[in-house]
Amino acid sequence: MVISWYPGHMNKARKELVKLLRGIHVVIEVLDARIPMASANPLLASMTKQLPIIKILNKADLAEKQTTQAWLNYFNTQSANICLLNGRDQPLPRESLLKSAYQLCEPRASQSRARQIVIVGIPNVGKSSILNQLTDRKLAKTGNEPAVTRRQQRVQLDENWYLIDTPGLLWPRLEDQGAAFMLACTGTIRNTAVEAEDIAWFIAEMLLKDHRHVLTRRYNIAGSVTQPEQLLRHIAETRGSLGKGGHPDWHKTSELLLNDYRSGKLGNLSLETPPE
């Protein structure tokens, strides 16, 4: 299965973002802490390369702390970048964000000058939740489905700073299919564009290889379970996901595994580590 998802509203949003960036002083790029590299849109990188960037590793409460710290160190070594964390157990304070924005802006510019920050990222990465958190208000609609935000919205953060929320953007061709499957695992791509069974097989293979202990803890798998089909069959048999004739309901079982991963029921899991 080849994953591809680029609905028409994203192309419109991309064109609007190009125009918007002319009046922007700082860019916030929200990344999924579980897959920081896979969740970085290469189109955004080329569009914002002349601007200072604050990278926020969001959903850090769902990722492994040691791996997330390694990503934090990796991004903070890059020029014109500051990397911050956000998670349910460690919400990013507005003061920390503004301090970083001031630090990145041109030092010679007047502190009284009104400035604009744009918040960008892929669908379902948590941009709107961060906007609501930073403003202490429910200004943006949030949800577990991607592409909830469809238009730009501008709010005032403090006397001199304005924050603009933008729709989630993917790129037209997902050439790295490994990254595309990771995006699907975390819920970035609509369920109607991918087969749950294919995504569950992918995440099952990764978990058996790198995180077997969480599968043992959650599903009590035996040592003989080494293949994705064996894992999914075990889950079906032990979690009541059997269909007619006692055969596994593969779709229902796949959804169960994916929901357990996305909700954090499997524990804190990172699917990517920083380059050496």
C-alpha atoms as a PDB file:
ATOM      1  CA  MET A   1       0.000   0.000   0.000  1.00  0.00           C
ATOM      2  CA  VAL A   2       1.308   3.461  -0.969  1.00  0.00           C
ATOM      3  CA  ILE A   3       0.110   6.244   1.327  1.00  0.00           C
ATOM      4  CA  SER A   4      -0.862   9.583  -0.208  1.00  0.00           C
ATOM      5  CA  TRP A   5      -3.182  12.264   1.220  1.00  0.00           C
ATOM      6  CA  TYR A   6      -3.256  15.867   0.011  1.00  0.00           C
ATOM      7  CA  PRO A   7      -6.834  17.240   0.000  1.00  0.00           C
ATOM      8  CA  GLY A   8      -7.605  20.377  -1.983  1.00  0.00           C
ATOM      9  CA  HIS A   9      -7.867  22.720   1.002  1.00  0.00           C
ATOM     10  CA  MET A  10      -4.187  22.068   1.811  1.00  0.00           C
ATOM     11  CA  ASN A  11      -3.043  23.487  -1.519  1.00  0.00           C
ATOM     12  CA  LYS A  12      -5.113  26.605  -0.859  1.00  0.00           C
ATOM     13  CA  ALA A  13      -3.709  26.858   2.672  1.00  0.00           C
ATOM     14  CA  ARG A  14      -0.155  26.563   1.336  1.00  0.00           C
ATOM     15  CA  LYS A  15      -0.658  29.499  -1.027  1.00  0.00           C
ATOM     16  CA  GLU A  16      -2.173  31.593   1.771  1.00  0.00           C
ATOM     17  CA  LEU A  17       0.750  30.765   4.046  1.00  0.00           C
ATOM     18  CA  VAL A  18       3.269  31.951   1.444  1.00  0.00           C
ATOM     19  CA  LYS A  19       1.582  35.375   1.439  1.00  0.00           C
ATOM     20  CA  LEU A  20       1.284  35.450   5.229  1.00  0.00           C
ATOM     21  CA  LEU A  21       4.987  34.754   5.815  1.00  0.00           C
ATOM     22  CA  ARG A  22       5.933  38.147   4.372  1.00  0.00           C
ATOM     23  CA  GLY A  23       4.735  39.804   7.574  1.00  0.00           C
ATOM     24  CA  ILE A  24       5.934  37.169  10.059  1.00  0.00           C
ATOM     25  CA  HIS A  25       8.786  37.642  12.552  1.00  0.00           C
ATOM     26  CA  VAL A  26       9.002  34.167  14.135  1.00  0.00           C
ATOM     27  CA  VAL A  27       7.716  30.748  13.053  1.00  0.00           C
ATOM     28  CA  ILE A  28       6.536  28.087  15.498  1.00  0.00           C
ATOM     29  CA  GLU A  29       6.767  24.624  13.971  1.00  0.00           C
ATOM     30  CA  VAL A  30       4.884  22.029  15.996  1.00  0.00           C
ATOM     31  CA  LEU A  31       6.310  18.513  15.742  1.00  0.00           C
ATOM     32  CA  ASP A  32       5.088  15.227  17.174  1.00  0.00           C
ATOM     33  CA  ALA A  33       7.608  14.287  19.882  1.00  0.00           C
ATOM     34  CA  ARG A  34       7.203  10.608  18.966  1.00  0.00           C
ATOM     35  CA  ILE A  35       8.244  11.215  15.333  1.00  0.00           C
ATOM     36  CA  PRO A  36       9.988  14.613  15.126  1.00  0.00           C
ATOM     37  CA  MET A  37      11.664  14.014  11.767  1.00  0.00           C
ATOM     38  CA  ALA A  38       8.717  12.325  10.076  1.00  0.00           C
ATOM     39  CA  SER A  39       6.368  15.082  11.266  1.00  0.00           C
ATOM     40  CA  ALA A  40       8.551  17.879   9.851  1.00  0.00           C
ATOM     41  CA  ASN A  41       7.058  19.111   6.578  1.00  0.00           C
ATOM     42  CA  PRO A  42       9.839  19.707   3.997  1.00  0.00           C
ATOM     43  CA  LEU A  43       7.638  22.297   2.248  1.00  0.00           C
ATOM     44  CA  LEU A  44       7.503  24.354   5.440  1.00  0.00           C
ATOM     45  CA  ALA A  45      11.273  24.107   5.779  1.00  0.00           C
ATOM     46  CA  SER A  46      11.797  25.652   2.347  1.00  0.00           C
ATOM     47  CA  MET A  47       9.099  28.301   2.877  1.00  0.00           C
ATOM     48  CA  THR A  48      10.389  29.474   6.263  1.00  0.00           C
ATOM     49  CA  LYS A  49      14.162  29.113   5.813  1.00  0.00           C
ATOM     50  CA  GLN A  50      14.762  32.888   6.106  1.00  0.00           C
ATOM     51  CA  LEU A  51      12.893  33.144   9.424  1.00  0.00           C
ATOM     52  CA  PRO A  52      13.859  32.171  12.989  1.00  0.00           C
ATOM     53  CA  ILE A  53      12.034  29.053  14.144  1.00  0.00           C
ATOM     54  CA  ILE A  54      10.806  27.792  17.489  1.00  0.00           C
ATOM     55  CA  LYS A  55      10.287  24.040  17.261  1.00  0.00           C
ATOM     56  CA  ILE A  56       7.825  22.628  19.789  1.00  0.00           C
ATOM     57  CA  LEU A  57       8.012  18.899  20.471  1.00  0.00           C
ATOM     58  CA  ASN A  58       4.341  18.378  21.249  1.00  0.00           C
ATOM     59  CA  LYS A  59       2.730  15.342  22.886  1.00  0.00           C
ATOM     60  CA  ALA A  60       5.961  14.832  24.818  1.00  0.00           C
ATOM     61  CA  ASP A  61       3.946  12.948  27.445  1.00  0.00           C
ATOM     62  CA  LEU A  62       3.440  10.168  24.859  1.00  0.00           C
ATOM     63  CA  ALA A  63       7.130   9.873  23.922  1.00  0.00           C
ATOM     64  CA  GLU A  64      10.116   8.396  25.760  1.00  0.00           C
ATOM     65  CA  LYS A  65      11.769  11.053  27.927  1.00  0.00           C
ATOM     66  CA  GLN A  66      15.344  10.054  27.148  1.00  0.00           C
ATOM     67  CA  THR A  67      14.714  10.037  23.394  1.00  0.00           C
ATOM     68  CA  THR A  68      12.842  13.344  23.570  1.00  0.00           C
ATOM     69  CA  GLN A  69      15.757  14.921  25.434  1.00  0.00           C
ATOM     70  CA  ALA A  70      18.072  13.692  22.679  1.00  0.00           C
ATOM     71  CA  TRP A  71      15.837  15.369  20.088  1.00  0.00           C
ATOM     72  CA  LEU A  72      15.784  18.552  22.156  1.00  0.00           C
ATOM     73  CA  ASN A  73      19.587  18.622  22.188  1.00  0.00           C
ATOM     74  CA  TYR A  74      19.730  17.855  18.467  1.00  0.00           C
ATOM     75  CA  PHE A  75      17.429  20.702  17.407  1.00  0.00           C
ATOM     76  CA  ASN A  76      18.958  23.217  19.809  1.00  0.00           C
ATOM     77  CA  THR A  77      22.342  22.837  18.112  1.00  0.00           C
ATOM     78  CA  GLN A  78      20.901  24.207  14.860  1.00  0.00           C
ATOM     79  CA  SER A  79      21.319  27.906  14.111  1.00  0.00           C
ATOM     80  CA  ALA A  80      18.314  30.270  14.344  1.00  0.00           C
ATOM     81  CA  ASN A  81      16.398  27.546  16.178  1.00  0.00           C
ATOM     82  CA  ILE A  82      15.079  27.082  19.682  1.00  0.00           C
ATOM     83  CA  CYS A  83      13.399  23.816  20.639  1.00  0.00           C
ATOM     84  CA  LEU A  84      10.841  23.597  23.452  1.00  0.00           C
ATOM     85  CA  LEU A  85       8.673  20.841  24.919  1.00  0.00           C
ATOM     86  CA  ASN A  86       4.934  20.611  25.441  1.00  0.00           C
ATOM     87  CA  GLY A  87       2.858  17.820  26.920  1.00  0.00           C
ATOM     88  CA  ARG A  88      -0.034  17.233  29.259  1.00  0.00           C
ATOM     89  CA  ASP A  89       2.381  16.670  32.130  1.00  0.00           C
ATOM     90  CA  GLN A  90       4.624  19.583  31.097  1.00  0.00           C
ATOM     91  CA  PRO A  91       2.580  22.371  29.457  1.00  0.00           C
ATOM     92  CA  LEU A  92       4.611  25.081  27.771  1.00  0.00           C
ATOM     93  CA  PRO A  93       4.190  28.429  29.597  1.00  0.00           C
ATOM     94  CA  ARG A  94       3.374  31.434  27.441  1.00  0.00           C
ATOM     95  CA  GLU A  95       6.224  33.337  29.119  1.00  0.00           C
ATOM     96  CA  SER A  96       8.767  30.742  27.936  1.00  0.00           C
ATOM     97  CA  LEU A  97       7.493  30.970  24.380  1.00  0.00           C
ATOM     98  CA  LEU A  98       7.624  34.782  24.332  1.00  0.00           C
ATOM     99  CA  LYS A  99      11.096  34.785  25.879  1.00  0.00           C
ATOM    100  CA  SER A 100      12.312  32.500  23.094  1.00  0.00           C
ATOM    101  CA  ALA A 101      10.599  34.650  20.467  1.00  0.00           C
ATOM    102  CA  TYR A 102      12.286  37.806  21.792  1.00  0.00           C
ATOM    103  CA  GLN A 103      15.615  35.976  21.822  1.00  0.00           C
ATOM    104  CA  LEU A 104      15.303  34.951  18.179  1.00  0.00           C
ATOM    105  CA  CYS A 105      14.088  38.293  16.865  1.00  0.00           C
ATOM    106  CA  GLU A 106      16.565  40.802  15.576  1.00  0.00           C
ATOM    107  CA  PRO A 107      18.112  42.364  18.729  1.00  0.00           C
ATOM    108  CA  ARG A 108      18.240  45.824  17.185  1.00  0.00           C
ATOM    109  CA  ALA A 109      14.480  45.929  16.583  1.00  0.00           C
ATOM    110  CA  SER A 110      12.362  47.980  18.947  1.00  0.00           C
ATOM    111  CA  GLN A 111      10.794  45.991  21.775  1.00  0.00           C
ATOM    112  CA  SER A 112       7.618  48.068  21.417  1.00  0.00           C
ATOM    113  CA  ARG A 113       7.086  47.037  17.807  1.00  0.00           C
ATOM    114  CA  ALA A 114       4.096  44.775  17.193  1.00  0.00           C
ATOM    115  CA  ARG A 115       5.242  41.388  15.936  1.00  0.00           C
ATOM    116  CA  GLN A 116       3.602  38.323  14.512  1.00  0.00           C
ATOM    117  CA  ILE A 117       4.236  34.642  15.174  1.00  0.00           C
ATOM    118  CA  VAL A 118       2.773  31.993  12.897  1.00  0.00           C
ATOM    119  CA  ILE A 119       2.170  28.473  14.152  1.00  0.00           C
ATOM    120  CA  VAL A 120       2.569  25.762  11.505  1.00  0.00           C
ATOM    121  CA  GLY A 121       2.704  21.982  11.331  1.00  0.00           C
ATOM    122  CA  ILE A 122       1.177  18.859   9.875  1.00  0.00           C
ATOM    123  CA  PRO A 123      -2.467  17.875  10.544  1.00  0.00           C
ATOM    124  CA  ASN A 124      -3.417  16.580  13.996  1.00  0.00           C
ATOM    125  CA  VAL A 125      -0.072  17.515  15.566  1.00  0.00           C
ATOM    126  CA  GLY A 126      -1.732  19.713  18.192  1.00  0.00           C
ATOM    127  CA  LYS A 127      -1.365  23.282  16.889  1.00  0.00           C
ATOM    128  CA  SER A 128      -4.863  24.319  17.935  1.00  0.00           C
ATOM    129  CA  SER A 129      -4.464  22.796  21.401  1.00  0.00           C
ATOM    130  CA  ILE A 130      -1.257  24.797  21.879  1.00  0.00           C
ATOM    131  CA  LEU A 131      -3.042  27.968  20.730  1.00  0.00           C
ATOM    132  CA  ASN A 132      -5.803  27.410  23.285  1.00  0.00           C
ATOM    133  CA  GLN A 133      -3.226  26.661  25.972  1.00  0.00           C
ATOM    134  CA  LEU A 134      -1.151  29.786  25.281  1.00  0.00           C
ATOM    135  CA  THR A 135      -4.185  32.069  25.307  1.00  0.00           C
ATOM    136  CA  ASP A 136      -6.008  30.370  28.208  1.00  0.00           C
ATOM    137  CA  ARG A 137      -9.095  30.287  26.025  1.00  0.00           C
ATOM    138  CA  LYS A 138     -10.809  27.846  23.684  1.00  0.00           C
ATOM    139  CA  LEU A 139     -10.257  29.831  20.509  1.00  0.00           C
ATOM    140  CA  ALA A 140      -9.538  26.960  18.152  1.00  0.00           C
ATOM    141  CA  LYS A 141     -11.486  23.786  17.531  1.00  0.00           C
ATOM    142  CA  THR A 142      -9.549  20.659  18.468  1.00  0.00           C
ATOM    143  CA  GLY A 143     -10.018  16.958  17.797  1.00  0.00           C
ATOM    144  CA  ASN A 144      -8.358  13.612  17.205  1.00  0.00           C
ATOM    145  CA  GLU A 145      -9.097  13.740  13.475  1.00  0.00           C
ATOM    146  CA  PRO A 146      -6.645  15.531  11.170  1.00  0.00           C
ATOM    147  CA  ALA A 147      -7.545  18.708   9.248  1.00  0.00           C
ATOM    148  CA  VAL A 148      -9.815  20.193  11.916  1.00  0.00           C
ATOM    149  CA  THR A 149      -8.458  23.729  11.351  1.00  0.00           C
ATOM    150  CA  ARG A 150      -9.390  25.013   7.866  1.00  0.00           C
ATOM    151  CA  ARG A 151      -8.590  28.751   8.071  1.00  0.00           C
ATOM    152  CA  GLN A 152      -6.091  31.151   9.609  1.00  0.00           C
ATOM    153  CA  GLN A 153      -6.890  32.826  12.907  1.00  0.00           C
ATOM    154  CA  ARG A 154      -5.057  35.685  14.653  1.00  0.00           C
ATOM    155  CA  VAL A 155      -5.003  36.284  18.417  1.00  0.00           C
ATOM    156  CA  GLN A 156      -3.066  38.611  20.712  1.00  0.00           C
ATOM    157  CA  LEU A 157      -0.582  36.959  23.086  1.00  0.00           C
ATOM    158  CA  ASP A 158       0.524  40.112  24.862  1.00  0.00           C
ATOM    159  CA  GLU A 159       0.912  43.828  24.178  1.00  0.00           C
ATOM    160  CA  ASN A 160       3.406  43.407  21.331  1.00  0.00           C
ATOM    161  CA  TRP A 161       2.921  39.851  20.087  1.00  0.00           C
ATOM    162  CA  TYR A 162       0.240  38.296  17.885  1.00  0.00           C
ATOM    163  CA  LEU A 163      -0.094  34.576  17.126  1.00  0.00           C
ATOM    164  CA  ILE A 164      -1.626  33.235  13.913  1.00  0.00           C
ATOM    165  CA  ASP A 165      -2.914  29.650  13.734  1.00  0.00           C
ATOM    166  CA  THR A 166      -2.884  27.959  10.324  1.00  0.00           C
ATOM    167  CA  PRO A 167      -4.377  24.764   8.861  1.00  0.00           C
ATOM    168  CA  GLY A 168      -2.283  21.623   8.993  1.00  0.00           C
ATOM    169  CA  LEU A 169      -0.210  21.016   5.882  1.00  0.00           C
ATOM    170  CA  LEU A 170       1.188  17.850   4.367  1.00  0.00           C
ATOM    171  CA  TRP A 171       3.192  17.724   1.153  1.00  0.00           C
ATOM    172  CA  PRO A 172       1.836  16.436  -2.182  1.00  0.00           C
ATOM    173  CA  ARG A 173       4.134  13.417  -2.515  1.00  0.00           C
ATOM    174  CA  LEU A 174       4.991  11.327   0.530  1.00  0.00           C
ATOM    175  CA  GLU A 175       8.099   9.820  -1.016  1.00  0.00           C
ATOM    176  CA  ASP A 176       9.445   8.380   2.252  1.00  0.00           C
ATOM    177  CA  GLN A 177       6.838   5.699   2.850  1.00  0.00           C
ATOM    178  CA  GLY A 178       8.398   4.725   6.181  1.00  0.00           C
ATOM    179  CA  ALA A 179       7.732   8.263   7.406  1.00  0.00           C
ATOM    180  CA  ALA A 180       4.265   8.156   5.817  1.00  0.00           C
ATOM    181  CA  PHE A 181       3.391   5.023   7.793  1.00  0.00           C
ATOM    182  CA  MET A 182       4.632   6.684  10.994  1.00  0.00           C
ATOM    183  CA  LEU A 183       2.373   9.652  10.248  1.00  0.00           C
ATOM    184  CA  ALA A 184      -0.540   7.269   9.768  1.00  0.00           C
ATOM    185  CA  CYS A 185       0.271   5.505  13.055  1.00  0.00           C
ATOM    186  CA  THR A 186      -0.024   8.783  14.973  1.00  0.00           C
ATOM    187  CA  GLY A 187      -3.278   9.782  13.249  1.00  0.00           C
ATOM    188  CA  THR A 188      -1.975  12.506  10.936  1.00  0.00           C
ATOM    189  CA  ILE A 189      -3.604  10.973   7.857  1.00  0.00           C
ATOM    190  CA  ARG A 190      -7.363  10.468   7.757  1.00  0.00           C
ATOM    191  CA  ASN A 191      -8.580   6.917   8.334  1.00  0.00           C
ATOM    192  CA  THR A 192     -10.438   7.069   5.013  1.00  0.00           C
ATOM    193  CA  ALA A 193      -7.115   7.447   3.174  1.00  0.00           C
ATOM    194  CA  VAL A 194      -5.382   4.424   4.699  1.00  0.00           C
ATOM    195  CA  GLU A 195      -6.212   0.847   5.617  1.00  0.00           C
ATOM    196  CA  ALA A 196      -6.116   0.249   9.366  1.00  0.00           C
ATOM    197  CA  GLU A 197      -4.818  -3.275   8.788  1.00  0.00           C
ATOM    198  CA  ASP A 198      -1.760  -2.011   6.884  1.00  0.00           C
ATOM    199  CA  ILE A 199      -0.937   0.590   9.520  1.00  0.00           C
ATOM    200  CA  ALA A 200      -1.429  -1.874  12.379  1.00  0.00           C
ATOM    201  CA  TRP A 201       0.884  -4.381  10.670  1.00  0.00           C
ATOM    202  CA  PHE A 202       3.542  -1.666  10.389  1.00  0.00           C
ATOM    203  CA  ILE A 203       3.308  -0.576  14.040  1.00  0.00           C
ATOM    204  CA  ALA A 204       3.162  -4.218  15.191  1.00  0.00           C
ATOM    205  CA  GLU A 205       6.415  -4.935  13.365  1.00  0.00           C
ATOM    206  CA  MET A 206       8.114  -1.898  14.939  1.00  0.00           C
ATOM    207  CA  LEU A 207       6.876  -2.713  18.427  1.00  0.00           C
ATOM    208  CA  LEU A 208       7.945  -6.353  18.236  1.00  0.00           C
ATOM    209  CA  LYS A 209      11.401  -5.257  17.123  1.00  0.00           C
ATOM    210  CA  ASP A 210      12.080  -2.311  19.434  1.00  0.00           C
ATOM    211  CA  HIS A 211       9.467  -2.260  22.212  1.00  0.00           C
ATOM    212  CA  ARG A 212       8.563  -5.859  22.920  1.00  0.00           C
ATOM    213  CA  HIS A 213       8.371  -5.187  26.664  1.00  0.00           C
ATOM    214  CA  VAL A 214       5.341  -2.904  26.250  1.00  0.00           C
ATOM    215  CA  LEU A 215       3.510  -5.607  24.306  1.00  0.00           C
ATOM    216  CA  THR A 216       4.247  -8.115  27.045  1.00  0.00           C
ATOM    217  CA  ARG A 217       2.965  -5.708  29.671  1.00  0.00           C
ATOM    218  CA  ARG A 218      -0.170  -4.677  27.782  1.00  0.00           C
ATOM    219  CA  TYR A 219      -1.171  -7.906  26.028  1.00  0.00           C
ATOM    220  CA  ASN A 220       0.785 -10.573  27.928  1.00  0.00           C
ATOM    221  CA  ILE A 221       2.233 -12.047  24.738  1.00  0.00           C
ATOM    222  CA  ALA A 222       4.243 -15.262  24.804  1.00  0.00           C
ATOM    223  CA  GLY A 223       7.845 -15.524  23.690  1.00  0.00           C
ATOM    224  CA  SER A 224       6.729 -17.419  20.591  1.00  0.00           C
ATOM    225  CA  VAL A 225       4.942 -14.318  19.247  1.00  0.00           C
ATOM    226  CA  THR A 226       7.482 -12.810  16.847  1.00  0.00           C
ATOM    227  CA  GLN A 227       5.459 -11.797  13.769  1.00  0.00           C
ATOM    228  CA  PRO A 228       2.815  -9.056  13.272  1.00  0.00           C
ATOM    229  CA  GLU A 229       0.127 -11.575  12.303  1.00  0.00           C
ATOM    230  CA  GLN A 230       0.790 -13.574  15.477  1.00  0.00           C
ATOM    231  CA  LEU A 231       0.541 -10.430  17.597  1.00  0.00           C
ATOM    232  CA  LEU A 232      -2.707  -9.280  15.993  1.00  0.00           C
ATOM    233  CA  ARG A 233      -4.194 -12.773  16.281  1.00  0.00           C
ATOM    234  CA  HIS A 234      -3.253 -12.877  19.976  1.00  0.00           C
ATOM    235  CA  ILE A 235      -4.888  -9.480  20.565  1.00  0.00           C
ATOM    236  CA  ALA A 236      -8.038 -10.608  18.728  1.00  0.00           C
ATOM    237  CA  GLU A 237      -8.302 -13.772  20.797  1.00  0.00           C
ATOM    238  CA  THR A 238      -7.663 -12.111  24.159  1.00  0.00           C
ATOM    239  CA  ARG A 239      -9.581  -8.851  23.614  1.00  0.00           C
ATOM    240  CA  GLY A 240     -12.784 -10.203  22.114  1.00  0.00           C
ATOM    241  CA  SER A 241     -12.109  -9.174  18.529  1.00  0.00           C
ATOM    242  CA  LEU A 242     -13.192 -12.399  16.887  1.00  0.00           C
ATOM    243  CA  GLY A 243     -15.624 -12.536  14.006  1.00  0.00           C
ATOM    244  CA  LYS A 244     -17.711 -15.300  12.492  1.00  0.00           C
ATOM    245  CA  GLY A 245     -16.418 -18.794  13.037  1.00  0.00           C
ATOM    246  CA  GLY A 246     -14.031 -17.598  15.717  1.00  0.00           C
ATOM    247  CA  HIS A 247     -11.693 -15.998  13.193  1.00  0.00           C
ATOM    248  CA  PRO A 248      -9.972 -12.688  14.002  1.00  0.00           C
ATOM    249  CA  ASP A 249     -11.758  -9.524  12.962  1.00  0.00           C
ATOM    250  CA  TRP A 250      -8.616  -7.977  11.510  1.00  0.00           C
ATOM    251  CA  HIS A 251     -10.054  -4.488  11.099  1.00  0.00           C
ATOM    252  CA  LYS A 252     -11.399  -4.296  14.640  1.00  0.00           C
ATOM    253  CA  THR A 253      -8.157  -5.716  16.039  1.00  0.00           C
ATOM    254  CA  SER A 254      -6.086  -3.268  14.014  1.00  0.00           C
ATOM    255  CA  GLU A 255      -8.126  -0.333  15.298  1.00  0.00           C
ATOM    256  CA  LEU A 256      -7.667  -1.592  18.857  1.00  0.00           C
ATOM    257  CA  LEU A 257      -3.873  -1.721  18.550  1.00  0.00           C
ATOM    258  CA  LEU A 258      -3.702   1.697  16.868  1.00  0.00           C
ATOM    259  CA  ASN A 259      -5.951   3.296  19.478  1.00  0.00           C
ATOM    260  CA  ASP A 260      -3.841   1.815  22.274  1.00  0.00           C
ATOM    261  CA  TYR A 261      -0.733   3.354  20.717  1.00  0.00           C
ATOM    262  CA  ARG A 262      -2.253   6.752  19.933  1.00  0.00           C
ATOM    263  CA  SER A 263      -3.835   7.169  23.354  1.00  0.00           C
ATOM    264  CA  GLY A 264      -0.683   6.221  25.264  1.00  0.00           C
ATOM    265  CA  LYS A 265      -2.103   3.006  26.708  1.00  0.00           C
ATOM    266  CA  LEU A 266       1.033   1.212  25.534  1.00  0.00           C
ATOM    267  CA  GLY A 267       3.147   3.697  27.478  1.00  0.00           C
ATOM    268  CA  ASN A 268       5.586   6.369  26.341  1.00  0.00           C
ATOM    269  CA  LEU A 269       6.896   5.289  22.936  1.00  0.00           C
ATOM    270  CA  SER A 270       9.138   7.073  20.446  1.00  0.00           C
ATOM    271  CA  LEU A 271       9.351   5.739  16.900  1.00  0.00           C
ATOM    272  CA  GLU A 272      12.357   7.840  15.836  1.00  0.00           C
ATOM    273  CA  THR A 273      15.751   8.723  17.277  1.00  0.00           C
ATOM    274  CA  PRO A 274      17.955  11.682  16.226  1.00  0.00           C
ATOM    275  CA  PRO A 275      20.620  11.230  13.545  1.00  0.00           C
ATOM    276  CA  GLU A 276      24.051  10.347  14.891  1.00  0.00           C
END
